[in-house]
Every structure is written in C-alpha cells, then in structure tokens.
Protein backbone atom coordinates (compact mmCIF):
# COMPACT_ATOMS: atom_id res chain seq x y z
CA MET A 1 37.20 -5.91 4.63
CA LYS A 2 38.50 -9.47 4.58
CA THR A 3 38.13 -11.12 1.21
CA TYR A 4 35.87 -14.09 0.61
CA PRO A 5 37.35 -17.35 -0.70
CA LYS A 6 37.74 -17.60 -4.45
CA SER A 7 35.76 -20.82 -4.32
CA PHE A 8 32.79 -18.85 -3.00
CA SER A 9 33.06 -16.07 -5.58
CA ASP A 10 33.26 -18.78 -8.25
CA PHE A 11 30.11 -20.36 -6.82
CA VAL A 12 28.20 -17.06 -7.03
CA GLU A 13 29.56 -16.28 -10.49
CA GLU A 14 28.39 -19.67 -11.74
CA ARG A 15 24.89 -18.54 -10.77
CA TYR A 16 25.26 -15.21 -12.58
CA PRO A 17 22.91 -16.29 -15.43
CA PHE A 18 20.18 -16.81 -12.81
CA PHE A 19 20.83 -13.28 -11.50
CA VAL A 20 20.42 -11.89 -15.01
CA GLU A 21 17.21 -13.90 -15.43
CA ILE A 22 15.81 -12.31 -12.27
CA LEU A 23 16.81 -8.81 -13.37
CA GLU A 24 15.42 -9.25 -16.88
CA THR A 25 12.04 -10.71 -15.85
CA ASP A 26 9.25 -8.14 -16.27
CA ASN A 27 7.83 -7.32 -12.84
CA PRO A 28 5.80 -4.12 -12.52
CA PRO A 29 3.54 -3.99 -9.45
CA GLY A 30 0.55 -6.19 -10.15
CA GLU A 31 2.44 -8.21 -12.78
CA GLU A 32 4.69 -10.39 -10.60
CA LYS A 33 3.48 -13.83 -11.78
CA ALA A 34 6.46 -14.56 -14.03
CA MET A 35 8.87 -13.55 -11.28
CA CYS A 36 6.94 -15.63 -8.77
CA ALA A 37 7.16 -18.73 -11.01
CA LEU A 38 10.91 -18.25 -11.47
CA LEU A 39 11.54 -17.91 -7.74
CA GLU A 40 9.22 -20.76 -6.75
CA LYS A 41 11.12 -23.10 -9.07
CA GLU A 42 14.32 -22.25 -7.18
CA LEU A 43 12.64 -22.69 -3.80
CA LEU A 44 11.41 -26.13 -4.83
CA HIS A 45 14.99 -27.01 -5.78
CA LEU A 46 15.87 -26.08 -2.19
CA LYS A 47 13.20 -28.56 -1.03
CA ALA A 48 11.07 -25.76 0.39
CA ARG A 49 7.39 -26.22 1.10
CA THR A 50 5.83 -23.41 -0.93
CA ARG A 51 2.55 -21.60 -1.13
CA ILE A 52 1.23 -18.55 -2.94
CA ASP A 53 -1.22 -16.68 -0.73
CA PRO A 54 -4.38 -14.93 -2.02
CA ALA A 55 -2.49 -11.64 -2.43
CA GLY A 56 0.16 -13.30 -4.61
CA ASN A 57 2.97 -13.41 -2.03
CA LEU A 58 5.35 -16.37 -2.39
CA ILE A 59 6.13 -18.17 0.86
CA GLY A 60 8.60 -21.00 1.37
CA GLN A 61 9.48 -23.00 4.47
CA ILE A 62 12.85 -24.73 4.66
CA GLY A 63 13.78 -27.04 7.52
CA GLU A 64 11.85 -28.25 10.52
CA GLY A 65 11.50 -27.08 14.08
CA GLU A 66 11.08 -23.91 16.07
CA ASN A 67 13.11 -20.70 15.99
CA ALA A 68 12.76 -20.13 12.26
CA PHE A 69 14.34 -17.08 10.69
CA MET A 70 12.56 -15.09 7.98
CA LEU A 71 14.41 -13.93 4.87
CA GLY A 72 12.49 -11.66 2.55
CA GLY A 73 12.38 -9.33 -0.41
CA HIS A 74 9.85 -8.04 -2.92
CA MET A 75 9.09 -9.34 -6.39
CA ASP A 76 8.00 -6.08 -8.02
CA SER A 77 10.04 -3.16 -9.33
CA VAL A 78 9.25 0.44 -10.24
CA MET A 79 8.61 1.29 -13.86
CA PRO A 80 10.17 1.25 -16.37
CA CYS A 81 11.02 -2.38 -15.65
CA LYS A 82 9.88 -4.19 -18.79
CA GLU A 83 12.33 -5.56 -21.36
CA VAL A 84 15.31 -4.90 -19.10
CA LYS A 85 18.67 -5.63 -20.71
CA VAL A 86 21.54 -6.15 -18.28
CA ILE A 87 24.89 -4.71 -19.30
CA ARG A 88 28.02 -5.83 -17.44
CA LYS A 89 31.27 -3.91 -17.58
CA GLY A 90 33.83 -5.61 -15.40
CA ASN A 91 32.07 -6.01 -12.05
CA ILE A 92 29.46 -3.29 -12.61
CA LEU A 93 25.94 -4.18 -13.73
CA HIS A 94 23.51 -1.62 -15.13
CA SER A 95 20.68 -1.49 -17.65
CA ASN A 96 20.98 -0.28 -21.23
CA GLY A 97 19.69 3.08 -20.07
CA GLN A 98 16.10 2.54 -21.18
CA THR A 99 14.90 0.98 -17.91
CA VAL A 100 15.80 0.57 -14.29
CA LEU A 101 18.08 -2.37 -13.51
CA THR A 102 15.57 -3.94 -11.04
CA ALA A 103 18.35 -4.67 -8.52
CA ASP A 104 15.73 -3.23 -6.16
CA ASP A 105 14.94 -5.90 -5.20
CA GLY A 106 16.40 -8.39 -7.64
CA ALA A 107 19.79 -8.27 -5.92
CA GLY A 108 18.19 -9.21 -2.60
CA LEU A 109 16.20 -12.06 -4.15
CA PHE A 110 19.34 -13.48 -5.76
CA GLN A 111 21.43 -13.13 -2.59
CA ILE A 112 18.86 -14.96 -0.46
CA LEU A 113 18.45 -17.87 -2.84
CA THR A 114 22.19 -18.15 -3.52
CA ALA A 115 23.10 -18.13 0.17
CA LEU A 116 20.51 -20.83 0.86
CA ARG A 117 21.81 -22.89 -2.07
CA PHE A 118 25.41 -22.63 -0.79
CA VAL A 119 24.40 -23.58 2.76
CA GLN A 120 22.53 -26.65 1.55
CA GLU A 121 25.12 -27.86 -0.94
CA ASN A 122 27.87 -27.57 1.67
CA ASN A 123 25.82 -29.05 4.54
CA LEU A 124 26.46 -26.02 6.74
CA PRO A 125 24.60 -25.47 10.02
CA CYS A 126 21.43 -23.47 9.42
CA CYS A 127 18.30 -22.57 11.33
CA PRO A 128 14.86 -23.29 9.85
CA VAL A 129 14.10 -20.55 7.32
CA ASP A 130 10.86 -18.92 6.22
CA VAL A 131 11.27 -17.21 2.85
CA LEU A 132 8.85 -14.40 2.02
CA PHE A 133 8.76 -12.71 -1.38
CA THR A 134 6.02 -10.08 -1.49
CA VAL A 135 4.05 -8.36 -4.22
CA GLY A 136 3.23 -4.68 -4.55
CA GLU A 137 5.93 -3.38 -2.22
CA GLU A 138 6.64 -0.43 -4.49
CA ILE A 139 3.02 0.78 -4.31
CA GLY A 140 2.64 0.87 -0.55
CA GLY A 141 3.16 -2.67 0.69
CA VAL A 142 0.09 -4.24 -0.91
CA GLY A 143 1.34 -7.78 -0.39
CA VAL A 144 2.68 -7.47 3.14
CA ASN A 145 -0.48 -5.68 4.30
CA SER A 146 -2.53 -8.69 3.18
CA LEU A 147 -0.15 -11.30 4.61
CA GLN A 148 -1.48 -13.69 7.21
CA LYS A 149 1.06 -14.05 10.03
CA SER A 150 -0.01 -17.67 10.48
CA TYR A 151 1.68 -18.54 7.17
CA LEU A 152 5.09 -17.97 8.80
CA ARG A 153 6.82 -19.59 11.75
CA ALA A 154 9.45 -16.90 12.29
CA LYS A 155 9.32 -14.23 14.98
CA GLN A 156 12.42 -12.44 13.68
CA GLY A 157 13.71 -11.79 10.22
CA MET A 158 15.64 -9.79 7.70
CA LEU A 159 14.78 -8.21 4.37
CA LEU A 160 17.47 -7.63 1.76
CA ASP A 161 15.88 -4.48 0.40
CA ARG A 162 18.15 -1.63 1.51
CA ALA A 163 19.98 0.11 -1.32
CA ASP A 164 23.37 0.63 0.29
CA ASP A 165 26.83 -0.83 0.79
CA PRO A 166 27.42 -4.24 2.43
CA GLY A 167 27.18 -4.01 6.21
CA ALA A 168 24.45 -1.39 6.33
CA PHE A 169 21.06 -2.24 7.79
CA VAL A 170 18.03 -0.33 9.03
CA ILE A 171 16.81 -0.62 12.62
CA ALA A 172 14.12 2.10 12.54
CA GLY A 173 11.71 3.36 9.89
CA PRO A 174 8.75 5.74 9.74
CA TYR A 175 5.01 5.49 10.00
CA LYS A 176 3.47 6.70 6.75
CA ARG A 177 0.02 8.22 6.48
CA ASN A 178 -1.42 9.28 3.12
CA PHE A 179 -3.97 12.09 3.32
CA ARG A 180 -6.55 13.57 0.97
CA VAL A 181 -8.49 16.81 1.45
CA VAL A 182 -11.60 17.51 -0.65
CA PHE A 183 -12.84 21.11 -0.86
CA VAL A 184 -16.36 21.80 -2.15
CA GLY A 185 -17.33 25.42 -2.69
CA THR A 186 -20.04 27.07 -4.78
CA ALA A 187 -19.75 27.43 -8.55
CA ALA A 188 -20.41 30.74 -10.28
CA HIS A 189 -19.56 32.45 -13.54
CA ALA A 190 -16.24 34.27 -13.35
CA PHE A 191 -17.83 37.65 -14.12
CA GLU A 192 -19.89 37.39 -10.94
CA ALA A 193 -17.37 35.64 -8.74
CA GLU A 194 -18.87 37.19 -5.61
CA LYS A 195 -21.74 34.71 -5.96
CA GLY A 196 -19.44 31.73 -5.60
CA VAL A 197 -16.93 30.20 -3.20
CA SER A 198 -13.73 29.04 -4.88
CA ALA A 199 -12.63 25.59 -3.80
CA ILE A 200 -9.22 26.37 -5.31
CA HIS A 201 -8.98 29.47 -3.12
CA MET A 202 -9.72 27.33 -0.07
CA ALA A 203 -7.17 24.71 -1.15
CA ALA A 204 -4.56 27.44 -1.65
CA ALA A 205 -5.21 28.67 1.89
CA ALA A 206 -4.60 25.13 3.17
CA VAL A 207 -1.37 24.79 1.18
CA ALA A 208 -0.17 28.09 2.66
CA GLN A 209 -0.94 27.05 6.24
CA PHE A 210 -0.19 23.31 6.37
CA PRO A 211 3.23 22.58 7.91
CA GLN A 212 5.25 20.88 5.18
CA GLY A 213 8.71 19.56 4.41
CA LYS A 214 11.07 18.71 7.25
CA ILE A 215 9.12 19.80 10.31
CA ASN A 216 11.64 18.29 12.72
CA GLU A 217 14.06 15.36 12.82
CA ARG A 218 11.23 12.87 13.36
CA LEU A 219 8.41 14.39 11.31
CA TYR A 220 8.02 15.09 7.58
CA ALA A 221 5.08 16.05 5.39
CA ASN A 222 4.51 16.65 1.70
CA ILE A 223 1.65 17.76 -0.55
CA GLY A 224 2.29 15.89 -3.76
CA LYS A 225 -0.87 16.44 -5.82
CA ILE A 226 -3.41 19.22 -6.29
CA HIS A 227 -6.20 19.44 -8.83
CA GLY A 228 -9.56 21.14 -9.20
CA GLY A 229 -11.83 23.29 -11.33
CA ASP A 230 -13.38 22.70 -14.73
CA SER A 231 -12.96 25.95 -16.65
CA VAL A 232 -11.01 29.21 -16.46
CA ASN A 233 -14.25 31.23 -16.61
CA GLN A 234 -15.88 29.42 -13.72
CA VAL A 235 -15.40 29.73 -9.97
CA ALA A 236 -14.13 26.28 -9.09
CA GLU A 237 -16.61 24.16 -7.18
CA THR A 238 -14.18 21.39 -6.19
CA ALA A 239 -10.49 20.99 -5.48
CA VAL A 240 -8.44 18.15 -4.00
CA LEU A 241 -5.09 18.03 -2.19
CA GLU A 242 -3.19 14.78 -1.68
CA GLY A 243 -0.04 14.18 0.30
CA GLU A 244 1.71 12.14 2.95
CA VAL A 245 3.04 12.36 6.49
CA ARG A 246 6.06 10.37 7.70
CA ALA A 247 6.87 10.20 11.40
CA PHE A 248 8.87 8.03 13.75
CA SER A 249 5.92 7.68 16.09
CA SER A 250 2.30 7.15 15.16
CA LEU A 251 1.35 9.81 17.72
CA ASP A 252 3.41 12.46 15.91
CA ALA A 253 1.69 11.57 12.64
CA GLU A 254 -1.76 11.70 14.21
CA ASN A 255 -1.02 15.01 15.94
CA LEU A 256 0.04 16.63 12.67
CA LEU A 257 -3.09 15.40 10.92
CA GLU A 258 -5.18 16.79 13.78
CA GLN A 259 -3.41 20.12 13.26
CA TYR A 260 -4.36 19.93 9.58
CA GLN A 261 -7.98 19.36 10.61
CA ARG A 262 -7.97 22.47 12.82
CA ILE A 263 -6.57 24.51 9.94
CA ILE A 264 -9.27 23.14 7.66
CA ASP A 265 -11.98 24.03 10.19
CA SER A 266 -10.62 27.58 10.33
CA ILE A 267 -10.58 27.87 6.54
CA LYS A 268 -14.13 26.57 6.31
CA TYR A 269 -15.27 29.16 8.87
CA GLN A 270 -13.41 31.94 7.03
CA PHE A 271 -15.10 31.15 3.71
CA SER A 272 -18.56 30.82 5.26
CA ALA A 273 -18.28 33.81 7.62
CA SER A 274 -20.86 35.83 5.70
CA GLY A 275 -23.44 33.14 6.34
CA GLU A 276 -24.46 33.09 2.71
CA PHE A 277 -22.37 30.08 1.74
CA ASP A 278 -21.70 26.73 3.38
CA PRO A 279 -18.54 25.25 1.86
CA HIS A 280 -17.63 21.67 2.65
CA VAL A 281 -14.14 20.42 3.47
CA HIS A 282 -13.29 16.81 4.28
CA LEU A 283 -9.93 15.37 5.40
CA GLU A 284 -9.34 11.65 5.23
CA TYR A 285 -6.19 9.59 5.63
CA THR A 286 -5.04 6.01 5.43
CA ALA A 287 -2.22 4.13 7.14
CA ARG A 288 0.03 3.13 4.23
CA ARG A 289 3.06 1.95 6.21
CA GLU A 290 3.76 1.08 9.84
CA GLY A 291 6.88 2.31 11.59
CA TYR A 292 9.26 0.43 13.84
CA GLU A 293 12.33 0.84 16.01
CA HIS A 294 14.55 -2.00 17.19
CA ASN A 295 16.86 -1.98 20.18
CA PRO A 296 20.45 -2.19 18.88
CA ASN A 297 21.17 -4.61 21.73
CA MET A 298 18.65 -7.22 20.62
CA PRO A 299 20.41 -10.58 20.22
CA LEU A 300 19.79 -10.81 16.46
CA ILE A 301 21.39 -7.43 15.80
CA GLN A 302 24.32 -8.24 18.04
CA ALA A 303 24.80 -11.54 16.21
CA ILE A 304 24.87 -9.73 12.86
CA CYS A 305 27.40 -7.22 14.21
CA SER A 306 29.55 -10.10 15.47
CA VAL A 307 29.49 -11.77 12.05
CA HIS A 308 30.47 -8.47 10.46
CA GLU A 309 33.42 -8.17 12.80
CA GLU A 310 34.60 -11.68 11.96
CA LEU A 311 34.35 -10.98 8.23
CA GLY A 312 35.90 -7.51 8.42
CA ILE A 313 32.67 -5.81 7.32
CA THR A 314 31.93 -2.34 8.66
CA THR A 315 28.58 -2.23 10.46
CA ASP A 316 26.36 0.75 9.63
CA MET A 317 23.14 0.73 11.68
CA GLN A 318 20.70 3.22 10.18
CA ILE A 319 17.51 5.09 10.91
CA THR A 320 15.77 5.94 7.65
CA ARG A 321 12.85 8.02 6.42
CA ALA A 322 12.29 5.44 3.65
CA CYS A 323 9.52 2.87 4.03
CA SER A 324 9.78 -0.87 3.45
CA ASP A 325 7.98 -4.09 4.33
CA ALA A 326 10.07 -4.24 7.55
CA GLY A 327 7.73 -1.97 9.49
CA ASP A 328 4.59 -3.86 8.52
CA LEU A 329 6.22 -7.21 9.29
CA THR A 330 7.44 -5.96 12.66
CA ASN A 331 3.94 -4.79 13.51
CA LYS A 332 2.62 -8.23 12.54
CA GLY A 333 4.93 -9.81 15.13
CA ILE A 334 8.04 -10.57 13.04
CA ALA A 335 10.80 -8.23 14.26
CA THR A 336 12.46 -7.40 10.95
CA ILE A 337 15.52 -5.42 9.97
CA ASN A 338 16.23 -4.24 6.43
CA TYR A 339 19.70 -5.31 5.26
CA ALA A 340 21.68 -3.73 2.40
CA ASN A 341 21.87 -5.58 -0.92
CA GLY A 342 24.54 -3.37 -2.53
CA ALA A 343 22.29 -1.66 -5.09
CA HIS A 344 22.72 2.05 -5.86
CA ARG A 345 20.74 4.80 -7.62
CA VAL A 346 17.60 2.69 -7.38
CA HIS A 347 14.34 3.94 -8.93
CA THR A 348 16.35 5.56 -11.74
CA LYS A 349 17.68 4.44 -15.12
CA GLU A 350 21.17 4.97 -13.67
CA GLU A 351 20.69 2.12 -11.16
CA TRP A 352 23.76 -0.10 -10.76
CA VAL A 353 25.25 -2.82 -8.60
CA ASP A 354 28.77 -4.16 -8.18
CA MET A 355 29.06 -7.96 -8.40
CA ARG A 356 31.73 -7.84 -5.71
CA ASP A 357 29.15 -6.33 -3.35
CA VAL A 358 26.58 -8.93 -4.37
CA ILE A 359 29.11 -11.60 -3.41
CA ARG A 360 30.03 -9.87 -0.13
CA VAL A 361 26.40 -9.60 0.96
CA THR A 362 25.77 -13.25 0.07
CA TRP A 363 28.91 -14.29 1.98
CA ALA A 364 27.71 -12.36 5.04
CA LEU A 365 24.27 -13.94 4.77
CA VAL A 366 25.77 -17.44 4.68
CA HIS A 367 27.60 -16.70 7.93
CA ILE A 368 24.53 -15.17 9.57
CA LEU A 369 22.56 -18.32 8.76
CA GLN A 370 25.38 -20.45 10.16
CA ARG A 371 25.47 -18.42 13.37
CA LEU A 372 21.72 -18.79 13.83
CA GLY A 373 21.98 -22.52 13.14
CA GLU A 374 24.70 -22.90 15.77
CA GLN A 375 22.99 -20.61 18.31
CA PRO A 376 19.22 -21.11 17.89
CA GLU A 377 18.59 -19.34 21.21
CA ILE A 378 19.20 -16.04 19.39
CA LEU A 379 15.82 -16.49 17.72
CA SER A 380 13.91 -17.74 20.73
C-alpha cells in the first residue's frame, strides 16, 4: 500500500480530539440526540443544509446540482456504550475494557466528516454530497426504515459501516425475516396430563423439525428464543418460539417460512388427531432487513477499484451474511455499498481500531470524492 502524505496524516491527527469526542458520546439505540447534536454542528461548519427527520435521522446536503453522492453511517452503538473511555497505545485505540469502543460506527462518522473537511479546506473537486446519519441501526434499521427517499438527492451511495481492513466493501447482503410462532394448547394438572395438550411439547416438535443453521450457501435460519409455561406441575398452555431467517433472495426466505408453516400444520394435526383437543398454532414474521446485490461492473464500483489501484490499496469485494442499512437504502432507490472503516472485534469490549487504518480509509474517501467530482457521469 502506498503511504499517504505526512501532511494528510497530520491533518487527521489534528482532528483526533473530535474522534475521541464521537467515541465517548453516549449513544445507545433510542438515545442518539447528543451524538446527533455533535455531528450536526460539524455539518453546519461544512455549510451543509441540515434537517432531522421525524425518526431522528440526521440529513445534510452539501453542494448544488444533480448527481449527488450519499455518504452514510449510523449514530447508535450496541451496549455497553455509556461512559466510554478511549485508551490509545501507539496507533491502537480501544476502550478501558468496561464498554465497547463505539468505532462501529464512530470510525465511519469521523472518516466521512474528516474527508469532507479536507476536501473543502483544500478546494478539491467534489460532487454534491448527501450525508445520512441514521438512528436505531443496531436494532434492525429503525431509522432507515422510516426514511423518506425524497429527503435525499442521491441515487448511489456508500456507508462506512463495515468492520474490516481498508479496501474491503460489501456488494451483496441478505434479506432478514424475523419470525414468531405462538403455540396454544390445553392446560391441565400434571398428575392428569392426559387431559391437556402441552404447548411446550408442540414447540419442541417444531424445534426438532425446523431446518436451522446453515441450510445452504444462501440460506440461514436460527431459533434464538423460546419460552412458555407457568408452573412445573401444570401442562403448559402456551409457548413461543422466536428466530430469524437470512437469505440472499426474498423468495428463498419466503419458501423456508412456508416450509415452517407446513411443519406447524402437521404438528397441529398430530396433537389434535384424537379429536378431543383443538390446539392453536400461529406463525407470523416481519421483514426486518432488505437484501441487495450489486453488479461488480457498475461504474461506481469500478471507480472505487480504480482509486484503490492508484493508492496501492487491495480491493476486497465481499458478500456478507451481516445486515446493514445498505440493503434498505438500495431498496429505496439509492444503490449503496458498505465500505470498511477499519474497526475490528466490534460488538465486544475487545473492539479496537488502528489510527493508521482510520487515516487510510479517510485518504481513500477523499480520492473517491475527487473522482466523482471530476467524472460526474459515474453517478448519472
């Protein structure tokens, strides 16, 4: 990898206190207001036209004209993310071990704002930019699901929310469907269990028969929660299973859920075969995340690869089973890739990031913005 100029690393390092401020701002899902205020202040310094939508998403528009490019990240972090204390040892940043570092997605937020600041202060070519910082990403994309497309000009964009090395980015992600199955049997005292129908017994039959885990390369399922019953001396009247399906096509997800329904129908018949009982079983599911798949030959991706080549960055195009706002944005009409921000071990207290990677990603982003400013047809 070719090195970046010392003048640029000095520029980013001068903004290090702002990076620490981002990382140390409390931001659990649903409590993003302090983070939003911090980021909006920086956007206003960049002369952005800002708005906070009804969901709490922060939106900024920089520059005039068509062919805007969206840059985005999320303002929330997983718990524990309150009272974060950043520890730096050489180039490595981590927390004090009591919390996550919040580099997911604090690193991405910092890189976006720092790249934009460098572009403006050095009068570099740049396309119009729509900045989108969402709320509730860590709890299923609450903010992006509520976003009105009309608030943004861009038809293409990039998140900086991939925990990986510089040069990696995601071009395909899964559809995610959360499901819930409610079993209702007939209660009875345990000493006369033959008079009841155990909802737990029915749920256990479903657990045994539902395809789970890695079903194939493009389809995954998991039962993550099970609860039911009120007392050990009572035949359980109710039980509930909850889980998720991830698939690289919505049809595969729907087909698996239809298979679950057929299994449920069979279980219901089995437990009501005597005709004396009529158990009830209900499957419901919600679309929590939308999937996407981009053609590696699309002009935006090719432009990013070209920038990487110029900078000596190794390109790593990825297909991931992890969800992000990229799928929901793509399905809203903003073709979005998810670009690496250099964070590692995210969602754990061992989370860390290397400042050299933070600088490399920011340097790459500056050049991507320049390329799009010089060749606006890429975004048309």
